[in-house]
Structures are given as C-alpha cells and as structure tokens.
Amino acid sequence: MSQRTLTILKPDCVRKRLVGDVLHRIEEAGFEIRALRMLALTKAEAERFYAVHRERPFFDDLTDFMSSGPCVPAVLEKEDAIIDFRGLIGATDPSEAADGTIRADHADSVQENIVHGADS
C-alpha cells in the first residue's frame, strides 16, 4: 500500500544549491513527488511546526535556523515511504549517518543536516 510522508529541504540545502541533487536522489529512490513548494518560514511558523520540541534546549536555535532562509517542503509517496525515506536521508547526526545517505554526503551538523524527515 502506498504511503505519503512530508519532507522539508532545509535552508542549508537551498543555500548550498543542493535542492536539485536532493530531489533527484529522492526520485531515483522511487519516490513520487506529489507536492512541492519553495517558501520562507517565519519564526512563528517554525515554532508551530516544531512545537513538540518547545522545551528542548535546541528549540530556539532550530527555529531561528528554519526561518533563516527559504526551504522546500514536499509530499512524497511510495510503498513504505516513511521508513524508506528515513533510510535515504540517514541519521539526524551526519557523523552517525550511513555512507551514501543524503546527510552523510552533504550535512554539516545535527541542525544543518539538509533535510527534515517526518517520523509519521
């Protein structure tokens, strides 16, 4: 059964001009891109999106970063989309991401890790 998941190509992805490469890798992995848009999140929008992390020590840095420039949210579809996408992007910490994953190849830090992948 087909499943949908949300991703956001983060501001560092846009700044590094990696959007095309990352989208190509997503499609090559068998995902259908069902919706795609470039936008700039406000600080308030980033705070709402990441509200689950509000009490975490990194919340302000995360929401500042996510509102620091344009990002590209997309809806992806594929069989087992959530688990397959998490495998494609790699661990949140790029130093722990498997070789060949998007984060291992392009991310600089836990925060500036190119892409958000939904857990559900």
C-alpha atoms as a PDB file:
ATOM      1  CA  MET A   1       0.000   0.000   0.000  1.00  0.00           C
ATOM      2  CA  SER A   2       1.274   3.415  -0.948  1.00  0.00           C
ATOM      3  CA  GLN A   3       2.173   5.804   1.859  1.00  0.00           C
ATOM      4  CA  ARG A   4       2.839   9.544   1.953  1.00  0.00           C
ATOM      5  CA  THR A   5       5.363  11.452   4.025  1.00  0.00           C
ATOM      6  CA  LEU A   6       6.469  15.046   4.435  1.00  0.00           C
ATOM      7  CA  THR A   7       9.985  16.301   3.920  1.00  0.00           C
ATOM      8  CA  ILE A   8      11.460  19.761   4.119  1.00  0.00           C
ATOM      9  CA  LEU A   9      14.663  20.621   2.314  1.00  0.00           C
ATOM     10  CA  LYS A  10      16.136  22.967   4.900  1.00  0.00           C
ATOM     11  CA  PRO A  11      17.666  26.435   4.403  1.00  0.00           C
ATOM     12  CA  ASP A  12      21.202  24.979   4.282  1.00  0.00           C
ATOM     13  CA  CYS A  13      20.151  22.765   1.363  1.00  0.00           C
ATOM     14  CA  VAL A  14      18.884  25.818  -0.526  1.00  0.00           C
ATOM     15  CA  ARG A  15      21.955  27.921   0.373  1.00  0.00           C
ATOM     16  CA  LYS A  16      24.323  25.179  -0.812  1.00  0.00           C
ATOM     17  CA  ARG A  17      22.368  24.831  -4.093  1.00  0.00           C
ATOM     18  CA  LEU A  18      21.664  21.165  -3.406  1.00  0.00           C
ATOM     19  CA  VAL A  19      17.898  21.194  -3.999  1.00  0.00           C
ATOM     20  CA  GLY A  20      18.160  19.664  -7.482  1.00  0.00           C
ATOM     21  CA  ASP A  21      20.577  16.958  -6.344  1.00  0.00           C
ATOM     22  CA  VAL A  22      18.474  16.018  -3.319  1.00  0.00           C
ATOM     23  CA  LEU A  23      15.234  15.918  -5.336  1.00  0.00           C
ATOM     24  CA  HIS A  24      16.961  13.765  -7.962  1.00  0.00           C
ATOM     25  CA  ARG A  25      18.106  11.312  -5.283  1.00  0.00           C
ATOM     26  CA  ILE A  26      14.584  11.187  -3.862  1.00  0.00           C
ATOM     27  CA  GLU A  27      13.135  10.356  -7.282  1.00  0.00           C
ATOM     28  CA  GLU A  28      15.891   7.848  -8.038  1.00  0.00           C
ATOM     29  CA  ALA A  29      14.935   6.056  -4.804  1.00  0.00           C
ATOM     30  CA  GLY A  30      11.449   5.505  -6.230  1.00  0.00           C
ATOM     31  CA  PHE A  31       9.528   8.300  -4.523  1.00  0.00           C
ATOM     32  CA  GLU A  32       6.820  10.212  -6.364  1.00  0.00           C
ATOM     33  CA  ILE A  33       6.826  13.918  -5.545  1.00  0.00           C
ATOM     34  CA  ARG A  34       3.140  14.746  -5.040  1.00  0.00           C
ATOM     35  CA  ALA A  35       3.514  18.367  -3.919  1.00  0.00           C
ATOM     36  CA  LEU A  36       6.443  20.756  -3.830  1.00  0.00           C
ATOM     37  CA  ARG A  37       6.862  24.413  -2.995  1.00  0.00           C
ATOM     38  CA  MET A  38       9.583  26.864  -2.008  1.00  0.00           C
ATOM     39  CA  LEU A  39       8.742  29.161   0.884  1.00  0.00           C
ATOM     40  CA  ALA A  40      10.281  31.120   3.718  1.00  0.00           C
ATOM     41  CA  LEU A  41       9.028  30.152   7.164  1.00  0.00           C
ATOM     42  CA  THR A  42       8.527  32.909   9.685  1.00  0.00           C
ATOM     43  CA  LYS A  43       9.894  32.347  13.173  1.00  0.00           C
ATOM     44  CA  ALA A  44       6.302  31.840  14.423  1.00  0.00           C
ATOM     45  CA  GLU A  45       5.595  29.227  11.719  1.00  0.00           C
ATOM     46  CA  ALA A  46       8.799  27.362  12.558  1.00  0.00           C
ATOM     47  CA  GLU A  47       7.851  27.444  16.251  1.00  0.00           C
ATOM     48  CA  ARG A  48       4.430  25.946  15.474  1.00  0.00           C
ATOM     49  CA  PHE A  49       5.886  23.251  13.227  1.00  0.00           C
ATOM     50  CA  TYR A  50       8.489  22.218  15.815  1.00  0.00           C
ATOM     51  CA  ALA A  51       6.209  22.767  18.852  1.00  0.00           C
ATOM     52  CA  VAL A  52       6.903  19.200  20.029  1.00  0.00           C
ATOM     53  CA  HIS A  53      10.478  20.367  20.776  1.00  0.00           C
ATOM     54  CA  ARG A  54       9.480  23.594  22.581  1.00  0.00           C
ATOM     55  CA  GLU A  55      11.003  22.524  25.925  1.00  0.00           C
ATOM     56  CA  ARG A  56      14.212  21.156  24.396  1.00  0.00           C
ATOM     57  CA  PRO A  57      17.395  23.249  24.743  1.00  0.00           C
ATOM     58  CA  PHE A  58      17.884  23.447  20.958  1.00  0.00           C
ATOM     59  CA  PHE A  59      14.392  24.826  20.190  1.00  0.00           C
ATOM     60  CA  ASP A  60      15.366  28.486  19.693  1.00  0.00           C
ATOM     61  CA  ASP A  61      18.404  27.643  17.557  1.00  0.00           C
ATOM     62  CA  LEU A  62      16.329  25.230  15.469  1.00  0.00           C
ATOM     63  CA  THR A  63      13.503  27.678  14.834  1.00  0.00           C
ATOM     64  CA  ASP A  64      15.963  30.510  14.120  1.00  0.00           C
ATOM     65  CA  PHE A  65      17.705  28.284  11.580  1.00  0.00           C
ATOM     66  CA  MET A  66      14.491  27.087   9.935  1.00  0.00           C
ATOM     67  CA  SER A  67      13.365  30.697   9.498  1.00  0.00           C
ATOM     68  CA  SER A  68      16.784  31.903   8.265  1.00  0.00           C
ATOM     69  CA  GLY A  69      16.067  31.415   4.568  1.00  0.00           C
ATOM     70  CA  PRO A  70      13.920  29.627   2.024  1.00  0.00           C
ATOM     71  CA  CYS A  71      13.102  25.947   2.401  1.00  0.00           C
ATOM     72  CA  VAL A  72      11.332  23.425   0.184  1.00  0.00           C
ATOM     73  CA  PRO A  73       8.584  21.302   1.739  1.00  0.00           C
ATOM     74  CA  ALA A  74       7.410  18.342  -0.324  1.00  0.00           C
ATOM     75  CA  VAL A  75       4.935  15.495  -0.037  1.00  0.00           C
ATOM     76  CA  LEU A  76       6.438  12.185  -1.135  1.00  0.00           C
ATOM     77  CA  GLU A  77       4.675   8.931  -1.961  1.00  0.00           C
ATOM     78  CA  LYS A  78       5.930   5.362  -2.163  1.00  0.00           C
ATOM     79  CA  GLU A  79       5.382   1.949  -0.607  1.00  0.00           C
ATOM     80  CA  ASP A  80       6.802   2.153   2.939  1.00  0.00           C
ATOM     81  CA  ALA A  81       7.577   5.839   2.335  1.00  0.00           C
ATOM     82  CA  ILE A  82       8.372   6.789   5.923  1.00  0.00           C
ATOM     83  CA  ILE A  83      10.891   4.066   6.701  1.00  0.00           C
ATOM     84  CA  ASP A  84      12.429   4.178   3.216  1.00  0.00           C
ATOM     85  CA  PHE A  85      12.849   7.946   3.368  1.00  0.00           C
ATOM     86  CA  ARG A  86      14.467   7.780   6.799  1.00  0.00           C
ATOM     87  CA  GLY A  87      16.935   5.274   5.319  1.00  0.00           C
ATOM     88  CA  LEU A  88      17.633   7.512   2.320  1.00  0.00           C
ATOM     89  CA  ILE A  89      18.413  10.594   4.404  1.00  0.00           C
ATOM     90  CA  GLY A  90      20.367   8.890   7.196  1.00  0.00           C
ATOM     91  CA  ALA A  91      20.721   9.621  10.905  1.00  0.00           C
ATOM     92  CA  THR A  92      19.953  13.106  12.221  1.00  0.00           C
ATOM     93  CA  ASP A  93      23.592  13.461  13.263  1.00  0.00           C
ATOM     94  CA  PRO A  94      25.555  13.327   9.999  1.00  0.00           C
ATOM     95  CA  SER A  95      28.565  11.824  11.795  1.00  0.00           C
ATOM     96  CA  GLU A  96      26.348   8.800  12.522  1.00  0.00           C
ATOM     97  CA  ALA A  97      24.675   8.665   9.099  1.00  0.00           C
ATOM     98  CA  ALA A  98      25.450   5.669   6.902  1.00  0.00           C
ATOM     99  CA  ASP A  99      27.720   6.239   3.913  1.00  0.00           C
ATOM    100  CA  GLY A 100      25.801   7.181   0.798  1.00  0.00           C
ATOM    101  CA  THR A 101      22.892   8.798   2.630  1.00  0.00           C
ATOM    102  CA  ILE A 102      21.936  12.393   1.907  1.00  0.00           C
ATOM    103  CA  ARG A 103      23.056  13.596   5.334  1.00  0.00           C
ATOM    104  CA  ALA A 104      26.359  11.700   5.251  1.00  0.00           C
ATOM    105  CA  ASP A 105      27.101  13.247   1.863  1.00  0.00           C
ATOM    106  CA  HIS A 106      26.000  16.848   2.478  1.00  0.00           C
ATOM    107  CA  ALA A 107      25.173  17.747   6.110  1.00  0.00           C
ATOM    108  CA  ASP A 108      27.403  19.857   8.349  1.00  0.00           C
ATOM    109  CA  SER A 109      25.803  19.338  11.763  1.00  0.00           C
ATOM    110  CA  VAL A 110      22.798  17.948  13.621  1.00  0.00           C
ATOM    111  CA  GLN A 111      20.927  21.187  12.965  1.00  0.00           C
ATOM    112  CA  GLU A 112      22.193  21.972   9.475  1.00  0.00           C
ATOM    113  CA  ASN A 113      21.508  18.487   8.179  1.00  0.00           C
ATOM    114  CA  ILE A 114      19.961  19.338   4.799  1.00  0.00           C
ATOM    115  CA  VAL A 115      16.558  17.709   5.193  1.00  0.00           C
ATOM    116  CA  HIS A 116      13.717  17.156   7.645  1.00  0.00           C
ATOM    117  CA  GLY A 117      12.122  13.716   7.523  1.00  0.00           C
ATOM    118  CA  ALA A 118       8.789  13.091   9.215  1.00  0.00           C
ATOM    119  CA  ASP A 119       8.522  10.221  11.694  1.00  0.00           C
ATOM    120  CA  SER A 120       4.904   9.551  10.768  1.00  0.00           C
END
